[in-house]
Each structure stands twice: as C-alpha cells, then as structure tokens.
C-alpha cells in the first residue's frame, strides 16, 4: 500500500502520484454553504492542480458502491479531503463505500488523506474527539477507522490554528496516548507509508 497522510498539503504530493485523482469532498458537507469554508475547500483543489494533477469529483454521499468501485478503478489515486472526521466516517460506513475504498487502496491505489482524510486511514478516529465533535454523527457508534495503517494521525498539531490551541493536543495525548499510536502532524508535515516503511516527511 501507498499512503500519504497530511495535516494540510505537502510538496511530496507531486512525487507521490501523477495523472488523475478521485477527489472525495464529503468531510466538508456540513459547512459547504459557509462563506468562510469556500476558500478553504477551493484551496485544496487548487493545490492538487498546482501539483499537476487532474481532479475527478467523487462525492461519497451521492455515489453507490458500484459507482465508487468503477471510478476508483479508472483513476491514478484517491484524495480524501479534510473537514468533519466523524461525519466522513459515518458517510463511508453507512453507504458501504468504506469497504470499496479499502479494497482499492489495499490493491495498490495511492491514497492521499489530509486532516480528516488522514485520520480515517488509521485504526480509530476516537482520539480526534477533542478536535472534531462526535455529536455531528450521532448514529456512528463504531469509531474504528479504515485500518489502512496502524497510526492515528492528529493533524494541525502546531497550535497555530485558533480553533485548535496547543492545549487540545496536550489533552489528546494525555487521554489517548497510552492506548493508540498517535502521530502529531504540523501543517506542512506528512506521514508517508509505502513498501519502504513509515516515514515522517
């Protein structure tokens, strides 16, 4: 498997995959109509284009597993955007698209996840409950992630984003550090997982 898990963006994306990526935007759906969120969402897409990638939109919430399976079989990689971690996991699991995504990534499809998209790749999303609220997905009772890697990425750990002060990360480590293999990523950092091992870049 090949995974690039980022806090927000990374120059290594241009070396990680080339061609067309399926862009899964669903983590942003709860604030998609917010004027403040629109520039953030477009920034991710523009970043991918600047890295020479073409984008194929793949909204999980409105796509059947058959459609997702077909699209993932036609692209060169998949990009799971940031946003609400618990809502994203609920959408994937409730539609059955989690299993489709897992199948393709385990078969070799390069996976790029940023923020929420990075978190769900791990064994559990529970440690992110201090950053994102489980209340947005009240029907999600199982906080297991996709299990594509053994680490739980904790994004935006630099404490530079106002809604995520440094105290939040200290509390996350105190509460979950003994139970889960946490990797705290600052913006601009990434966890690269491939046949050569696990690397912080």
C-alpha atoms as a PDB file:
ATOM      1  CA  UNK A   1       0.000   0.000   0.000  1.00  0.00           C
ATOM      2  CA  UNK A   2       0.982   3.604  -0.524  1.00  0.00           C
ATOM      3  CA  UNK A   3      -0.428   6.300   1.720  1.00  0.00           C
ATOM      4  CA  UNK A   4       0.435   9.976   2.126  1.00  0.00           C
ATOM      5  CA  UNK A   5      -1.278  11.340   5.223  1.00  0.00           C
ATOM      6  CA  UNK A   6      -1.002  15.081   5.670  1.00  0.00           C
ATOM      7  CA  UNK A   7      -2.103  17.754   8.069  1.00  0.00           C
ATOM      8  CA  UNK A   8      -2.662  20.193   5.213  1.00  0.00           C
ATOM      9  CA  UNK A   9      -0.900  19.980   1.881  1.00  0.00           C
ATOM     10  CA  UNK A  10       2.616  18.760   1.111  1.00  0.00           C
ATOM     11  CA  UNK A  11       5.116  19.208  -1.710  1.00  0.00           C
ATOM     12  CA  UNK A  12       5.625  15.428  -1.888  1.00  0.00           C
ATOM     13  CA  UNK A  13       2.175  15.044  -3.461  1.00  0.00           C
ATOM     14  CA  UNK A  14       3.674  15.768  -6.895  1.00  0.00           C
ATOM     15  CA  UNK A  15       6.061  12.821  -6.482  1.00  0.00           C
ATOM     16  CA  UNK A  16       3.553  10.514  -4.823  1.00  0.00           C
ATOM     17  CA  UNK A  17       1.034  10.255  -7.656  1.00  0.00           C
ATOM     18  CA  UNK A  18       0.586  11.590 -11.196  1.00  0.00           C
ATOM     19  CA  UNK A  19      -2.389  11.738 -13.509  1.00  0.00           C
ATOM     20  CA  UNK A  20      -5.956  11.872 -12.199  1.00  0.00           C
ATOM     21  CA  UNK A  21      -7.124  11.592  -8.607  1.00  0.00           C
ATOM     22  CA  UNK A  22     -10.626  10.894  -7.365  1.00  0.00           C
ATOM     23  CA  UNK A  23     -11.446  13.773  -5.027  1.00  0.00           C
ATOM     24  CA  UNK A  24     -13.682  12.840  -2.078  1.00  0.00           C
ATOM     25  CA  UNK A  25     -15.029  16.106  -0.614  1.00  0.00           C
ATOM     26  CA  UNK A  26     -17.620  14.768   1.822  1.00  0.00           C
ATOM     27  CA  UNK A  27     -15.913  15.766   5.078  1.00  0.00           C
ATOM     28  CA  UNK A  28     -16.812  19.371   4.212  1.00  0.00           C
ATOM     29  CA  UNK A  29     -20.519  18.797   3.577  1.00  0.00           C
ATOM     30  CA  UNK A  30     -21.711  20.162   6.954  1.00  0.00           C
ATOM     31  CA  UNK A  31     -20.172  23.553   6.267  1.00  0.00           C
ATOM     32  CA  UNK A  32     -20.181  23.523   2.459  1.00  0.00           C
ATOM     33  CA  UNK A  33     -22.550  26.514   2.345  1.00  0.00           C
ATOM     34  CA  UNK A  34     -20.459  28.595   4.729  1.00  0.00           C
ATOM     35  CA  UNK A  35     -18.763  31.590   3.055  1.00  0.00           C
ATOM     36  CA  UNK A  36     -15.773  31.086   5.362  1.00  0.00           C
ATOM     37  CA  UNK A  37     -15.320  27.485   4.237  1.00  0.00           C
ATOM     38  CA  UNK A  38     -15.471  28.033   0.478  1.00  0.00           C
ATOM     39  CA  UNK A  39     -11.908  29.418   0.092  1.00  0.00           C
ATOM     40  CA  UNK A  40     -10.508  26.565   2.202  1.00  0.00           C
ATOM     41  CA  UNK A  41     -12.176  23.920   0.041  1.00  0.00           C
ATOM     42  CA  UNK A  42     -11.033  25.517  -3.198  1.00  0.00           C
ATOM     43  CA  UNK A  43      -7.501  25.825  -1.839  1.00  0.00           C
ATOM     44  CA  UNK A  44      -7.221  22.035  -1.646  1.00  0.00           C
ATOM     45  CA  UNK A  45      -8.364  21.580  -5.230  1.00  0.00           C
ATOM     46  CA  UNK A  46      -6.038  24.313  -6.495  1.00  0.00           C
ATOM     47  CA  UNK A  47      -3.145  22.742  -4.605  1.00  0.00           C
ATOM     48  CA  UNK A  48      -3.694  19.455  -6.421  1.00  0.00           C
ATOM     49  CA  UNK A  49      -3.855  21.198  -9.786  1.00  0.00           C
ATOM     50  CA  UNK A  50      -0.620  23.035  -8.993  1.00  0.00           C
ATOM     51  CA  UNK A  51       0.979  19.650  -8.397  1.00  0.00           C
ATOM     52  CA  UNK A  52      -0.008  18.699 -11.949  1.00  0.00           C
ATOM     53  CA  UNK A  53      -2.973  16.508 -11.065  1.00  0.00           C
ATOM     54  CA  UNK A  54      -6.376  16.325 -12.713  1.00  0.00           C
ATOM     55  CA  UNK A  55      -9.374  16.048 -10.399  1.00  0.00           C
ATOM     56  CA  UNK A  56     -12.368  13.771 -10.722  1.00  0.00           C
ATOM     57  CA  UNK A  57     -15.037  14.603  -8.170  1.00  0.00           C
ATOM     58  CA  UNK A  58     -16.306  11.590  -6.228  1.00  0.00           C
ATOM     59  CA  UNK A  59     -18.909  12.559  -3.597  1.00  0.00           C
ATOM     60  CA  UNK A  60     -19.459   9.532  -1.383  1.00  0.00           C
ATOM     61  CA  UNK A  61     -22.830  10.738  -0.105  1.00  0.00           C
ATOM     62  CA  UNK A  62     -24.414  10.547  -3.559  1.00  0.00           C
ATOM     63  CA  UNK A  63     -22.456   7.661  -5.101  1.00  0.00           C
ATOM     64  CA  UNK A  64     -23.324   3.984  -4.907  1.00  0.00           C
ATOM     65  CA  UNK A  65     -20.629   1.431  -4.059  1.00  0.00           C
ATOM     66  CA  UNK A  66     -20.790   0.296  -7.685  1.00  0.00           C
ATOM     67  CA  UNK A  67     -20.092   3.833  -8.915  1.00  0.00           C
ATOM     68  CA  UNK A  68     -17.262   4.326  -6.437  1.00  0.00           C
ATOM     69  CA  UNK A  69     -15.764   0.988  -7.424  1.00  0.00           C
ATOM     70  CA  UNK A  70     -15.836   1.950 -11.097  1.00  0.00           C
ATOM     71  CA  UNK A  71     -14.306   5.400 -10.575  1.00  0.00           C
ATOM     72  CA  UNK A  72     -11.553   4.151  -8.282  1.00  0.00           C
ATOM     73  CA  UNK A  73     -10.707   1.576 -10.906  1.00  0.00           C
ATOM     74  CA  UNK A  74     -10.231   4.310 -13.514  1.00  0.00           C
ATOM     75  CA  UNK A  75      -8.076   6.854 -11.646  1.00  0.00           C
ATOM     76  CA  UNK A  76      -4.418   7.001 -10.607  1.00  0.00           C
ATOM     77  CA  UNK A  77      -5.031   7.845  -6.963  1.00  0.00           C
ATOM     78  CA  UNK A  78      -7.619   8.950  -4.421  1.00  0.00           C
ATOM     79  CA  UNK A  79      -7.624  12.151  -2.364  1.00  0.00           C
ATOM     80  CA  UNK A  80      -9.801  12.364   0.757  1.00  0.00           C
ATOM     81  CA  UNK A  81     -10.224  15.992   1.784  1.00  0.00           C
ATOM     82  CA  UNK A  82     -10.349  17.443   5.275  1.00  0.00           C
ATOM     83  CA  UNK A  83     -13.350  18.523   7.329  1.00  0.00           C
ATOM     84  CA  UNK A  84     -15.505  16.737   9.891  1.00  0.00           C
ATOM     85  CA  UNK A  85     -13.893  13.394  10.722  1.00  0.00           C
ATOM     86  CA  UNK A  86     -16.880  11.731  12.380  1.00  0.00           C
ATOM     87  CA  UNK A  87     -19.344  12.718   9.657  1.00  0.00           C
ATOM     88  CA  UNK A  88     -16.940  11.483   6.976  1.00  0.00           C
ATOM     89  CA  UNK A  89     -16.578   8.111   8.696  1.00  0.00           C
ATOM     90  CA  UNK A  90     -20.360   7.850   9.086  1.00  0.00           C
ATOM     91  CA  UNK A  91     -20.915   8.544   5.388  1.00  0.00           C
ATOM     92  CA  UNK A  92     -18.357   5.973   4.308  1.00  0.00           C
ATOM     93  CA  UNK A  93     -19.691   3.289   6.609  1.00  0.00           C
ATOM     94  CA  UNK A  94     -23.434   3.930   6.109  1.00  0.00           C
ATOM     95  CA  UNK A  95     -23.095   3.822   2.311  1.00  0.00           C
ATOM     96  CA  UNK A  96     -20.821   0.781   2.271  1.00  0.00           C
ATOM     97  CA  UNK A  97     -18.210   2.797   0.423  1.00  0.00           C
ATOM     98  CA  UNK A  98     -15.670   2.237   3.194  1.00  0.00           C
ATOM     99  CA  UNK A  99     -15.162  -1.340   2.036  1.00  0.00           C
ATOM    100  CA  UNK A 100     -14.817  -0.269  -1.593  1.00  0.00           C
ATOM    101  CA  UNK A 101     -12.187   2.313  -0.691  1.00  0.00           C
ATOM    102  CA  UNK A 102     -10.278  -0.154   1.487  1.00  0.00           C
ATOM    103  CA  UNK A 103     -10.282  -2.730  -1.319  1.00  0.00           C
ATOM    104  CA  UNK A 104      -8.753  -0.392  -3.871  1.00  0.00           C
ATOM    105  CA  UNK A 105      -6.118   1.067  -1.549  1.00  0.00           C
ATOM    106  CA  UNK A 106      -5.055  -2.392  -0.372  1.00  0.00           C
ATOM    107  CA  UNK A 107      -4.774  -3.370  -4.047  1.00  0.00           C
ATOM    108  CA  UNK A 108      -2.313  -0.545  -4.642  1.00  0.00           C
ATOM    109  CA  UNK A 109      -4.287   2.633  -5.364  1.00  0.00           C
ATOM    110  CA  UNK A 110      -2.292   5.541  -3.905  1.00  0.00           C
ATOM    111  CA  UNK A 111      -4.203   7.230  -1.054  1.00  0.00           C
ATOM    112  CA  UNK A 112      -3.756  10.858  -0.049  1.00  0.00           C
ATOM    113  CA  UNK A 113      -5.624  11.968   3.039  1.00  0.00           C
ATOM    114  CA  UNK A 114      -5.477  15.428   4.535  1.00  0.00           C
ATOM    115  CA  UNK A 115      -6.697  16.242   8.052  1.00  0.00           C
ATOM    116  CA  UNK A 116      -9.930  14.195   8.422  1.00  0.00           C
ATOM    117  CA  UNK A 117      -8.907  12.172   5.377  1.00  0.00           C
ATOM    118  CA  UNK A 118      -5.652  11.292   7.135  1.00  0.00           C
ATOM    119  CA  UNK A 119      -7.338  10.446  10.431  1.00  0.00           C
ATOM    120  CA  UNK A 120      -9.788   7.905   8.984  1.00  0.00           C
ATOM    121  CA  UNK A 121      -6.943   5.882   7.440  1.00  0.00           C
ATOM    122  CA  UNK A 122      -5.867   4.693  10.883  1.00  0.00           C
ATOM    123  CA  UNK A 123      -7.282   2.177  13.355  1.00  0.00           C
ATOM    124  CA  UNK A 124      -9.592   4.589  15.200  1.00  0.00           C
ATOM    125  CA  UNK A 125     -10.965   8.110  14.940  1.00  0.00           C
ATOM    126  CA  UNK A 126     -11.820   8.311  18.659  1.00  0.00           C
ATOM    127  CA  UNK A 127      -8.665  10.288  19.624  1.00  0.00           C
ATOM    128  CA  UNK A 128      -9.832  13.149  17.392  1.00  0.00           C
ATOM    129  CA  UNK A 129     -12.855  13.789  19.610  1.00  0.00           C
ATOM    130  CA  UNK A 130     -11.128  16.833  21.133  1.00  0.00           C
ATOM    131  CA  UNK A 131     -10.683  18.387  17.671  1.00  0.00           C
ATOM    132  CA  UNK A 132     -13.882  17.278  15.899  1.00  0.00           C
ATOM    133  CA  UNK A 133     -17.179  16.576  17.626  1.00  0.00           C
ATOM    134  CA  UNK A 134     -18.678  13.064  17.565  1.00  0.00           C
ATOM    135  CA  UNK A 135     -22.056  14.799  18.023  1.00  0.00           C
ATOM    136  CA  UNK A 136     -22.214  15.607  14.293  1.00  0.00           C
ATOM    137  CA  UNK A 137     -22.611  11.865  13.602  1.00  0.00           C
ATOM    138  CA  UNK A 138     -24.956  10.627  16.345  1.00  0.00           C
ATOM    139  CA  UNK A 139     -25.627   7.333  14.548  1.00  0.00           C
ATOM    140  CA  UNK A 140     -21.941   6.431  14.385  1.00  0.00           C
ATOM    141  CA  UNK A 141     -21.377   4.032  17.257  1.00  0.00           C
ATOM    142  CA  UNK A 142     -18.202   2.366  15.971  1.00  0.00           C
ATOM    143  CA  UNK A 143     -15.207   4.691  15.902  1.00  0.00           C
ATOM    144  CA  UNK A 144     -12.958   2.282  14.027  1.00  0.00           C
ATOM    145  CA  UNK A 145     -11.106   3.814  11.092  1.00  0.00           C
ATOM    146  CA  UNK A 146     -10.328   2.213   7.749  1.00  0.00           C
ATOM    147  CA  UNK A 147      -7.400   0.322   9.258  1.00  0.00           C
ATOM    148  CA  UNK A 148      -5.056   1.105   6.368  1.00  0.00           C
ATOM    149  CA  UNK A 149      -2.247   1.904   8.806  1.00  0.00           C
ATOM    150  CA  UNK A 150      -1.545   1.391  12.480  1.00  0.00           C
ATOM    151  CA  UNK A 151      -1.094   5.058  13.364  1.00  0.00           C
ATOM    152  CA  UNK A 152      -3.671   7.656  14.366  1.00  0.00           C
ATOM    153  CA  UNK A 153      -2.821  10.957  12.716  1.00  0.00           C
ATOM    154  CA  UNK A 154      -3.562  14.020  14.838  1.00  0.00           C
ATOM    155  CA  UNK A 155      -3.483  16.941  12.367  1.00  0.00           C
ATOM    156  CA  UNK A 156      -2.793  20.667  12.843  1.00  0.00           C
ATOM    157  CA  UNK A 157      -0.657  19.940  15.904  1.00  0.00           C
ATOM    158  CA  UNK A 158       1.382  23.123  15.659  1.00  0.00           C
ATOM    159  CA  UNK A 159      -1.159  25.063  17.671  1.00  0.00           C
ATOM    160  CA  UNK A 160      -1.255  27.815  15.048  1.00  0.00           C
ATOM    161  CA  UNK A 161      -4.953  27.434  14.162  1.00  0.00           C
ATOM    162  CA  UNK A 162      -7.199  29.340  16.611  1.00  0.00           C
ATOM    163  CA  UNK A 163      -9.832  26.601  16.951  1.00  0.00           C
ATOM    164  CA  UNK A 164      -7.110  24.042  17.738  1.00  0.00           C
ATOM    165  CA  UNK A 165      -4.974  25.563  20.539  1.00  0.00           C
ATOM    166  CA  UNK A 166      -1.967  23.657  21.827  1.00  0.00           C
ATOM    167  CA  UNK A 167      -3.890  22.600  24.960  1.00  0.00           C
ATOM    168  CA  UNK A 168      -6.151  20.435  22.782  1.00  0.00           C
ATOM    169  CA  UNK A 169      -3.208  18.355  21.637  1.00  0.00           C
ATOM    170  CA  UNK A 170      -1.822  18.009  25.137  1.00  0.00           C
ATOM    171  CA  UNK A 171      -5.207  16.704  26.295  1.00  0.00           C
ATOM    172  CA  UNK A 172      -5.371  14.322  23.320  1.00  0.00           C
ATOM    173  CA  UNK A 173      -2.006  12.821  24.227  1.00  0.00           C
ATOM    174  CA  UNK A 174      -2.895  12.566  27.935  1.00  0.00           C
ATOM    175  CA  UNK A 175      -6.187  10.824  27.176  1.00  0.00           C
ATOM    176  CA  UNK A 176      -5.291   8.597  24.243  1.00  0.00           C
ATOM    177  CA  UNK A 177      -1.504   8.394  24.033  1.00  0.00           C
ATOM    178  CA  UNK A 178      -1.215   5.167  26.013  1.00  0.00           C
ATOM    179  CA  UNK A 179      -3.920   3.389  24.019  1.00  0.00           C
ATOM    180  CA  UNK A 180      -3.203   4.494  20.457  1.00  0.00           C
ATOM    181  CA  UNK A 181      -0.016   5.112  18.432  1.00  0.00           C
ATOM    182  CA  UNK A 182      -0.573   8.819  17.844  1.00  0.00           C
ATOM    183  CA  UNK A 183       1.362  10.811  15.241  1.00  0.00           C
ATOM    184  CA  UNK A 184       1.011  14.553  15.742  1.00  0.00           C
ATOM    185  CA  UNK A 185       1.429  16.386  12.443  1.00  0.00           C
ATOM    186  CA  UNK A 186       2.000  20.086  11.983  1.00  0.00           C
ATOM    187  CA  UNK A 187       0.659  21.728   8.831  1.00  0.00           C
ATOM    188  CA  UNK A 188       3.206  21.039   6.115  1.00  0.00           C
ATOM    189  CA  UNK A 189       4.189  17.651   7.529  1.00  0.00           C
ATOM    190  CA  UNK A 190       3.124  14.257   6.242  1.00  0.00           C
ATOM    191  CA  UNK A 191       3.310  10.589   7.132  1.00  0.00           C
ATOM    192  CA  UNK A 192       4.459   8.553   4.138  1.00  0.00           C
ATOM    193  CA  UNK A 193       3.664   4.840   4.240  1.00  0.00           C
ATOM    194  CA  UNK A 194       4.919   2.562   1.477  1.00  0.00           C
ATOM    195  CA  UNK A 195       6.894  -0.622   0.835  1.00  0.00           C
ATOM    196  CA  UNK A 196       9.956   1.000   2.410  1.00  0.00           C
ATOM    197  CA  UNK A 197       8.257   1.614   5.741  1.00  0.00           C
ATOM    198  CA  UNK A 198       6.785   4.595   7.596  1.00  0.00           C
ATOM    199  CA  UNK A 199       8.444   7.998   7.275  1.00  0.00           C
ATOM    200  CA  UNK A 200       7.693  11.447   8.678  1.00  0.00           C
ATOM    201  CA  UNK A 201       8.445  13.958   5.932  1.00  0.00           C
END
